[in-house]
Amino acid sequence: MPMTLQLIEQAIVLGDAGNFARAAERLGITQPTLSRNIAALEKKLGVRLFDRGRSGVAPTVFGRAVIERGSSLLRDSNALRAELHALAGLETGHLDIAAGPYVAEDLVGPAMARLLTESPRLRVRVTVVGPHEVEGEVLSGRHDLGLGAMESQPAHDELAIEVLRKRRLFLAVRPGHPLAGGRPTQAQVLSFPLVTVLMRGESGQVAATGSGAGYQDLRRKGFAPAVEVNSLDTAKRIARDSNVIFPASASMLATELTCGHLVKLDYDSPALRTQPAIVRLRGRTLSPAALRFVALVRMQESELVASDVADQDAD
């Protein structure tokens, strides 16, 4: 079997995942196929790339070299692919987007729907990741653009970050929740478990002062809610059937509020603000599809901000 970029990518994913099962799931192939491919790559190179054990796999010194050099090769390959797709234009290009869960629902989904209405032959891939993982997805070259909460995107010399406008979040609970119908204090709110994503910035700092909202995750440098999810549909379902509290924007809650499945708490705080950001590689020319998508994201943002103002005036 020839040593291809595909095999190198599989080795990189395996090194990151730490075991064959998780790596195979990420790659969309079976575990036996991945095992055979890695064994074939090791045979081709004449060295052992991974030490296998009961707890998983770990790259050898040779494996680390392949992962480091291979990552560079993949970035160059993806850059070439992106440039060629850019030449193809909006109609037949390819667009890869990585997005945090909140931004995916509020901005990416609606903007992508508009883009595909305009350019139905465009091929797209939207990957929803943890908000703290957006930066890495863009740096790796696996995605053309990333969108996530600004507080989860640390500054990086290779990244250009465009900050969008802040938006308010509300706290949603089931109609029979102990706090529903009243005006709870911050201490009361944070005595209940939160269901959301890993939190950083001011929101995470405030949540950490509570007795039951979650806990500080030192490894990931953030506040882990008591119920951590990356699917907002799952978060809504959990909030409907338990006493957890779900932070969300007005647009995310519209259907549940109308149907009476959830209600908003009469509570606000400066920490209940989110500021999305668009993340891309610095100095990289965006394809026509990516440029149009960014324009549609800004359009969607403007509409949401206007809607938020209208909702606040109504309240």
Protein backbone atom coordinates (compact mmCIF):
# COMPACT_ATOMS: atom_id res chain seq x y z
CA MET A 1 0.00 0.00 0.00
CA PRO A 2 1.50 3.39 -0.99
CA MET A 3 2.06 6.02 1.69
CA THR A 4 -0.72 8.52 0.96
CA LEU A 5 -1.91 11.66 2.70
CA GLN A 6 -5.00 9.69 3.68
CA LEU A 7 -2.88 7.24 5.69
CA ILE A 8 -0.94 10.08 7.29
CA GLU A 9 -4.22 11.76 8.26
CA GLN A 10 -5.38 8.53 9.86
CA ALA A 11 -2.16 8.34 11.87
CA ILE A 12 -2.64 11.94 13.02
CA VAL A 13 -6.23 11.31 14.11
CA LEU A 14 -5.19 8.12 15.91
CA GLY A 15 -2.47 9.98 17.79
CA ASP A 16 -4.98 12.63 18.86
CA ALA A 17 -7.77 10.20 19.79
CA GLY A 18 -5.56 7.83 21.77
CA ASN A 19 -7.35 4.65 20.72
CA PHE A 20 -8.50 2.94 17.54
CA ALA A 21 -12.23 3.01 18.31
CA ARG A 22 -12.48 6.79 18.77
CA ALA A 23 -10.17 7.46 15.83
CA ALA A 24 -12.15 5.18 13.52
CA GLU A 25 -15.39 6.92 14.54
CA ARG A 26 -13.93 10.35 13.76
CA LEU A 27 -12.65 9.15 10.38
CA GLY A 28 -15.88 7.41 9.44
CA ILE A 29 -14.25 4.02 8.87
CA THR A 30 -14.30 0.73 10.75
CA GLN A 31 -11.82 -0.05 13.50
CA PRO A 32 -10.38 -3.10 11.67
CA THR A 33 -9.82 -0.99 8.55
CA LEU A 34 -7.97 1.64 10.56
CA SER A 35 -5.88 -1.02 12.30
CA ARG A 36 -4.88 -2.57 8.97
CA ASN A 37 -4.06 0.81 7.46
CA ILE A 38 -1.83 1.84 10.37
CA ALA A 39 -0.07 -1.54 10.26
CA ALA A 40 0.47 -1.12 6.50
CA LEU A 41 1.91 2.37 7.05
CA GLU A 42 4.28 1.05 9.70
CA LYS A 43 5.39 -1.72 7.38
CA LYS A 44 5.93 0.75 4.55
CA LEU A 45 8.05 3.02 6.75
CA GLY A 46 9.82 0.15 8.49
CA VAL A 47 9.24 1.55 12.01
CA ARG A 48 6.64 1.24 14.77
CA LEU A 49 4.53 4.40 14.93
CA PHE A 50 2.34 3.54 17.93
CA ASP A 51 2.76 1.51 21.09
CA ARG A 52 -0.42 -0.48 21.75
CA GLY A 53 -1.70 -1.19 25.24
CA ARG A 54 -4.88 -1.98 27.13
CA SER A 55 -5.49 1.70 27.82
CA GLY A 56 -5.07 2.73 24.18
CA VAL A 57 -2.22 3.75 21.90
CA ALA A 58 0.63 6.25 22.26
CA PRO A 59 2.87 7.57 19.47
CA THR A 60 6.47 6.41 19.48
CA VAL A 61 9.27 8.84 18.67
CA PHE A 62 8.74 7.83 15.02
CA GLY A 63 5.00 8.33 15.34
CA ARG A 64 5.45 11.81 16.76
CA ALA A 65 7.69 12.72 13.80
CA VAL A 66 5.08 11.46 11.32
CA ILE A 67 2.32 13.37 13.12
CA GLU A 68 4.31 16.61 13.23
CA ARG A 69 5.57 16.52 9.64
CA GLY A 70 2.34 14.98 8.34
CA SER A 71 0.25 17.75 9.88
CA SER A 72 2.28 20.28 7.90
CA LEU A 73 1.79 18.27 4.71
CA LEU A 74 -1.96 18.08 5.26
CA ARG A 75 -2.20 21.82 5.85
CA ASP A 76 -0.35 22.45 2.60
CA SER A 77 -2.58 19.96 0.80
CA ASN A 78 -5.74 21.56 2.19
CA ALA A 79 -4.46 25.01 1.24
CA LEU A 80 -3.90 23.82 -2.34
CA ARG A 81 -7.38 22.29 -2.43
CA ALA A 82 -8.92 25.51 -1.10
CA GLU A 83 -7.14 27.61 -3.72
CA LEU A 84 -8.30 25.32 -6.52
CA HIS A 85 -11.87 25.41 -5.21
CA ALA A 86 -11.66 29.19 -5.07
CA LEU A 87 -10.83 29.19 -8.76
CA ALA A 88 -13.93 27.10 -9.37
CA GLY A 89 -16.06 29.89 -7.94
CA LEU A 90 -19.23 29.87 -5.87
CA GLU A 91 -21.22 27.37 -7.87
CA THR A 92 -18.99 24.30 -7.67
CA GLY A 93 -16.72 25.08 -4.74
CA HIS A 94 -16.40 23.40 -1.35
CA LEU A 95 -16.77 25.03 2.05
CA ASP A 96 -15.81 23.56 5.46
CA ILE A 97 -17.08 25.32 8.59
CA ALA A 98 -16.35 24.53 12.24
CA ALA A 99 -18.76 26.09 14.72
CA GLY A 100 -19.53 26.09 18.41
CA PRO A 101 -23.04 24.84 19.30
CA TYR A 102 -24.59 28.24 20.04
CA VAL A 103 -23.20 29.94 16.94
CA ALA A 104 -24.14 26.91 14.83
CA GLU A 105 -27.80 27.28 15.72
CA ASP A 106 -28.14 31.05 15.70
CA LEU A 107 -25.81 32.09 12.87
CA VAL A 108 -24.32 29.24 10.87
CA GLY A 109 -27.50 27.27 10.17
CA PRO A 110 -29.58 30.18 8.83
CA ALA A 111 -26.63 31.70 6.90
CA MET A 112 -25.79 28.34 5.31
CA ALA A 113 -29.41 27.81 4.29
CA ARG A 114 -29.34 31.14 2.47
CA LEU A 115 -26.03 30.32 0.82
CA LEU A 116 -27.29 26.98 -0.47
CA THR A 117 -30.47 28.61 -1.76
CA GLU A 118 -28.27 30.93 -3.81
CA SER A 119 -25.73 28.24 -4.81
CA PRO A 120 -27.36 24.79 -4.63
CA ARG A 121 -24.37 23.02 -6.24
CA LEU A 122 -21.99 24.15 -3.52
CA ARG A 123 -20.62 21.33 -1.37
CA VAL A 124 -20.47 22.15 2.33
CA ARG A 125 -19.44 20.51 5.59
CA VAL A 126 -20.49 22.01 8.92
CA THR A 127 -18.89 20.44 11.99
CA VAL A 128 -20.23 21.35 15.42
CA VAL A 129 -17.44 21.24 18.01
CA GLY A 130 -16.91 22.49 21.53
CA PRO A 131 -16.48 26.28 21.60
CA HIS A 132 -12.89 25.85 22.81
CA GLU A 133 -12.11 23.57 19.85
CA VAL A 134 -12.91 26.02 17.02
CA GLU A 135 -9.44 27.57 17.00
CA GLY A 136 -7.71 24.20 16.63
CA GLU A 137 -9.98 23.12 13.78
CA VAL A 138 -9.03 26.21 11.77
CA LEU A 139 -5.32 26.00 12.63
CA SER A 140 -5.25 22.38 11.50
CA GLY A 141 -6.47 23.36 8.04
CA ARG A 142 -9.42 20.98 8.30
CA HIS A 143 -11.88 23.87 8.08
CA ASP A 144 -11.89 27.08 6.06
CA LEU A 145 -13.61 29.12 8.76
CA GLY A 146 -14.53 28.78 12.40
CA LEU A 147 -17.28 30.49 14.38
CA GLY A 148 -17.45 30.44 18.14
CA ALA A 149 -17.75 32.52 21.29
CA MET A 150 -15.04 35.18 21.46
CA GLU A 151 -14.02 34.29 25.03
CA SER A 152 -13.11 30.78 23.84
CA GLN A 153 -10.82 31.96 21.01
CA PRO A 154 -7.39 32.86 22.43
CA ALA A 155 -5.18 35.15 20.39
CA HIS A 156 -2.86 33.34 17.97
CA ASP A 157 -0.33 34.76 15.53
CA GLU A 158 -1.65 32.58 12.71
CA LEU A 159 -5.29 33.50 13.21
CA ALA A 160 -7.39 36.50 12.21
CA ILE A 161 -10.42 36.90 14.47
CA GLU A 162 -13.37 39.11 13.54
CA VAL A 163 -15.52 39.92 16.56
CA LEU A 164 -19.27 40.23 16.07
CA ARG A 165 -21.76 42.03 18.29
CA LYS A 166 -22.72 40.92 21.80
CA ARG A 167 -26.09 39.29 22.33
CA ARG A 168 -28.11 38.61 25.44
CA LEU A 169 -28.76 35.13 26.76
CA PHE A 170 -31.77 34.15 28.85
CA LEU A 171 -32.16 31.40 31.44
CA ALA A 172 -34.82 28.86 30.52
CA VAL A 173 -36.44 26.28 32.80
CA ARG A 174 -39.44 23.96 32.75
CA PRO A 175 -42.76 25.60 33.75
CA GLY A 176 -42.86 23.80 37.12
CA HIS A 177 -39.29 24.68 38.08
CA PRO A 178 -38.82 25.93 41.69
CA LEU A 179 -37.52 29.28 40.37
CA ALA A 180 -40.21 29.80 37.71
CA GLY A 181 -42.52 32.74 38.28
CA GLY A 182 -40.28 34.53 40.76
CA ARG A 183 -37.30 36.90 40.60
CA PRO A 184 -34.40 34.68 41.68
CA THR A 185 -31.08 35.94 42.97
CA GLN A 186 -27.74 34.95 41.46
CA ALA A 187 -27.11 32.60 44.39
CA GLN A 188 -30.47 30.89 43.83
CA VAL A 189 -29.85 30.51 40.11
CA LEU A 190 -26.37 29.05 40.62
CA SER A 191 -27.60 26.57 43.21
CA PHE A 192 -29.17 24.63 40.34
CA PRO A 193 -27.21 22.69 37.70
CA LEU A 194 -26.57 24.40 34.37
CA VAL A 195 -26.89 22.50 31.08
CA THR A 196 -24.67 24.07 28.45
CA VAL A 197 -21.17 23.97 26.94
CA LEU A 198 -17.78 24.53 28.58
CA MET A 199 -17.75 28.17 29.71
CA ARG A 200 -14.89 30.66 29.70
CA GLY A 201 -14.56 34.37 30.34
CA GLU A 202 -16.88 36.34 32.62
CA SER A 203 -19.76 33.89 32.35
CA GLY A 204 -17.57 31.03 33.57
CA GLN A 205 -16.14 33.11 36.39
CA VAL A 206 -19.58 34.08 37.64
CA ALA A 207 -20.93 30.52 37.34
CA ALA A 208 -17.99 29.28 39.44
CA THR A 209 -19.25 31.31 42.42
CA GLY A 210 -22.35 29.13 42.70
CA SER A 211 -22.91 26.02 44.77
CA GLY A 212 -24.47 23.72 42.19
CA ALA A 213 -23.98 25.05 38.65
CA GLY A 214 -20.88 22.97 37.86
CA TYR A 215 -17.15 22.98 38.58
CA GLN A 216 -13.86 24.50 37.47
CA ASP A 217 -12.09 22.31 34.91
CA LEU A 218 -8.41 23.16 35.34
CA ARG A 219 -7.29 20.90 32.48
CA ARG A 220 -9.48 22.68 29.94
CA LYS A 221 -9.12 26.09 31.62
CA GLY A 222 -12.82 26.74 31.90
CA PHE A 223 -15.99 26.17 33.89
CA ALA A 224 -17.64 22.82 33.20
CA PRO A 225 -21.42 22.96 33.76
CA ALA A 226 -22.99 20.22 35.82
CA VAL A 227 -24.51 18.89 32.59
CA GLU A 228 -22.15 19.52 29.68
CA VAL A 229 -23.55 19.02 26.19
CA ASN A 230 -22.62 20.10 22.67
CA SER A 231 -26.13 19.57 21.32
CA LEU A 232 -28.56 22.35 22.15
CA ASP A 233 -31.51 20.16 21.18
CA THR A 234 -30.34 17.73 23.86
CA ALA A 235 -29.98 20.61 26.33
CA LYS A 236 -33.56 21.72 25.65
CA ARG A 237 -34.87 18.19 26.14
CA ILE A 238 -33.05 17.86 29.47
CA ALA A 239 -34.31 21.27 30.64
CA ARG A 240 -37.90 20.33 29.77
CA ASP A 241 -37.81 17.24 31.99
CA SER A 242 -35.63 18.23 34.95
CA ASN A 243 -34.64 21.14 37.17
CA VAL A 244 -31.54 22.13 35.22
CA ILE A 245 -31.21 25.68 33.90
CA PHE A 246 -30.51 26.26 30.21
CA PRO A 247 -28.87 29.53 29.03
CA ALA A 248 -29.92 30.37 25.47
CA SER A 249 -30.71 33.25 23.13
CA ALA A 250 -34.27 34.37 22.44
CA SER A 251 -34.21 32.86 18.95
CA MET A 252 -33.07 29.48 20.28
CA LEU A 253 -35.97 29.43 22.76
CA ALA A 254 -38.71 30.79 20.50
CA THR A 255 -40.38 27.45 19.70
CA GLU A 256 -40.15 26.06 23.25
CA LEU A 257 -41.52 29.29 24.77
CA THR A 258 -44.42 29.42 22.30
CA CYS A 259 -45.33 25.78 22.99
CA GLY A 260 -45.02 26.26 26.75
CA HIS A 261 -42.30 23.62 27.09
CA LEU A 262 -39.92 26.13 28.67
CA VAL A 263 -40.24 29.52 30.37
CA LYS A 264 -37.73 32.33 30.86
CA LEU A 265 -36.58 33.24 34.34
CA ASP A 266 -36.99 36.88 35.36
CA TYR A 267 -33.24 37.25 35.72
CA ASP A 268 -30.45 39.12 33.98
CA SER A 269 -26.74 39.60 34.54
CA PRO A 270 -23.83 41.16 32.61
CA ALA A 271 -22.43 37.63 32.44
CA LEU A 272 -25.42 36.56 30.35
CA ARG A 273 -23.92 37.95 27.17
CA THR A 274 -22.29 36.12 24.29
CA GLN A 275 -20.05 37.59 21.61
CA PRO A 276 -19.55 35.44 18.51
CA ALA A 277 -16.38 35.64 16.45
CA ILE A 278 -15.33 34.51 12.97
CA VAL A 279 -11.96 32.74 12.95
CA ARG A 280 -9.75 32.18 9.91
CA LEU A 281 -6.11 31.71 9.04
CA ARG A 282 -4.27 35.02 8.77
CA GLY A 283 -3.11 35.87 5.26
CA ARG A 284 -5.23 33.13 3.65
CA THR A 285 -7.33 34.23 0.68
CA LEU A 286 -10.92 33.16 1.24
CA SER A 287 -12.82 31.46 -1.56
CA PRO A 288 -15.84 33.17 -3.12
CA ALA A 289 -18.07 30.73 -1.20
CA ALA A 290 -16.39 31.59 2.11
CA LEU A 291 -16.63 35.32 1.44
CA ARG A 292 -20.32 35.05 0.61
CA PHE A 293 -20.94 32.91 3.68
CA VAL A 294 -19.27 35.51 5.92
CA ALA A 295 -21.46 38.22 4.37
CA LEU A 296 -24.57 36.12 5.08
CA VAL A 297 -23.43 35.52 8.67
CA ARG A 298 -23.17 39.29 9.16
CA MET A 299 -26.66 39.69 7.65
CA GLN A 300 -28.07 37.06 10.00
CA GLU A 301 -26.31 38.73 12.92
CA SER A 302 -27.91 42.09 12.12
CA GLU A 303 -31.36 40.51 11.97
CA LEU A 304 -30.86 38.72 15.30
CA VAL A 305 -29.62 41.86 17.04
CA ALA A 306 -32.65 43.78 15.75
CA SER A 307 -34.92 40.98 16.96
CA ASP A 308 -33.24 40.99 20.39
CA VAL A 309 -33.88 44.73 20.73
CA ALA A 310 -37.53 44.24 19.78
CA ASP A 311 -37.88 41.43 22.37
CA GLN A 312 -36.33 43.58 25.10
CA ASP A 313 -38.69 46.48 24.27
CA ALA A 314 -41.63 44.06 24.48
CA ASP A 315 -40.49 42.82 27.87
